[in-house]
Amino acid sequence: MDVGVLIPNDDSVRLLVFVLKQLDLSALYEAYAEYREKRRKAEAERERREAERGTGVLAAADDARSVNAAGNTDSNSHFRKQ
């Protein structure tokens, strides 16, 4: 569907589109690409660490159980005021 036909020729949105097409957005695109790359690397690192220690939530539950097995018999102690 060609929405250009629905927008009047003298509508301000046509001027906005014209101005935006003239802008050099390469620095913005480059910055966003760097941001996406950093996020991709961080996510890959997080997944690698989770794989090393087991599966995310289950490993955390195992860790909590091991803390309790190490001497803390009250599983709700971390909720109590000291």
Protein backbone atom coordinates (compact mmCIF):
# COMPACT_ATOMS: atom_id res chain seq x y z
CA MET A 1 0.00 0.00 0.00
CA ASP A 2 1.42 3.35 -1.02
CA VAL A 3 0.67 5.75 1.85
CA GLY A 4 2.19 8.64 -0.11
CA VAL A 5 -1.06 8.91 -2.03
CA LEU A 6 -2.98 9.41 1.23
CA ILE A 7 -0.76 12.27 2.44
CA PRO A 8 -1.56 15.67 0.88
CA ASN A 9 1.27 17.27 -1.12
CA ASP A 10 1.46 20.27 1.23
CA ASP A 11 1.49 18.24 4.48
CA SER A 12 4.37 19.01 6.86
CA VAL A 13 5.27 15.33 7.13
CA ARG A 14 6.58 15.49 3.55
CA LEU A 15 9.03 18.25 4.60
CA LEU A 16 10.08 16.17 7.61
CA VAL A 17 10.78 13.14 5.41
CA PHE A 18 12.76 15.32 3.00
CA VAL A 19 14.90 16.78 5.83
CA LEU A 20 15.48 13.38 7.43
CA LYS A 21 16.66 11.93 4.14
CA GLN A 22 19.27 14.71 3.93
CA LEU A 23 20.79 13.96 7.36
CA ASP A 24 23.98 11.96 7.69
CA LEU A 25 23.06 9.36 10.30
CA SER A 26 26.16 7.20 9.83
CA ALA A 27 27.56 8.15 13.28
CA LEU A 28 24.26 7.16 14.89
CA TYR A 29 24.18 3.86 13.00
CA GLU A 30 27.81 3.16 13.96
CA ALA A 31 27.17 3.89 17.64
CA TYR A 32 24.12 1.63 17.63
CA ALA A 33 26.09 -1.15 15.91
CA GLU A 34 28.78 -0.91 18.62
CA TYR A 35 26.09 -1.04 21.31
CA ARG A 36 24.48 -4.12 19.74
CA GLU A 37 27.88 -5.81 19.47
CA LYS A 38 28.63 -5.15 23.16
CA ARG A 39 25.24 -6.55 24.15
CA ARG A 40 25.75 -9.61 21.94
CA LYS A 41 29.15 -10.27 23.55
CA ALA A 42 27.76 -9.78 27.07
CA GLU A 43 24.89 -12.16 26.35
CA ALA A 44 27.26 -14.77 24.92
CA GLU A 45 29.49 -14.45 28.00
CA ARG A 46 26.49 -14.80 30.33
CA GLU A 47 25.32 -17.90 28.46
CA ARG A 48 28.85 -19.36 28.59
CA ARG A 49 29.06 -18.81 32.37
CA GLU A 50 25.62 -20.35 32.90
CA ALA A 51 26.62 -23.36 30.81
CA GLU A 52 29.77 -23.77 32.91
CA ARG A 53 27.88 -23.80 36.19
CA GLY A 54 24.74 -25.57 35.03
CA THR A 55 21.38 -24.37 33.92
CA GLY A 56 20.54 -20.88 35.20
CA VAL A 57 17.65 -21.14 37.66
CA LEU A 58 18.29 -24.74 38.59
CA ALA A 59 21.92 -23.97 39.37
CA ALA A 60 20.84 -21.05 41.58
CA ALA A 61 18.46 -23.37 43.44
CA ASP A 62 21.28 -25.90 43.84
CA ASP A 63 23.53 -23.14 45.19
CA ALA A 64 20.87 -22.17 47.75
CA ARG A 65 20.49 -25.79 48.81
CA SER A 66 24.24 -26.16 49.22
CA VAL A 67 24.32 -23.06 51.46
CA ASN A 68 21.58 -24.58 53.61
CA ALA A 69 23.37 -27.92 53.67
CA ALA A 70 26.52 -26.14 54.84
CA GLY A 71 24.92 -25.26 58.15
CA ASN A 72 21.98 -22.93 57.67
CA THR A 73 18.90 -25.01 58.40
CA ASP A 74 16.47 -22.08 58.27
CA SER A 75 15.67 -21.53 54.59
CA ASN A 76 13.86 -18.25 55.35
CA SER A 77 16.64 -16.70 57.44
CA HIS A 78 17.60 -14.23 54.73
CA PHE A 79 14.08 -12.69 55.04
CA ARG A 80 14.31 -12.11 58.79
CA LYS A 81 15.56 -8.81 60.27
CA GLN A 82 18.85 -9.08 62.05
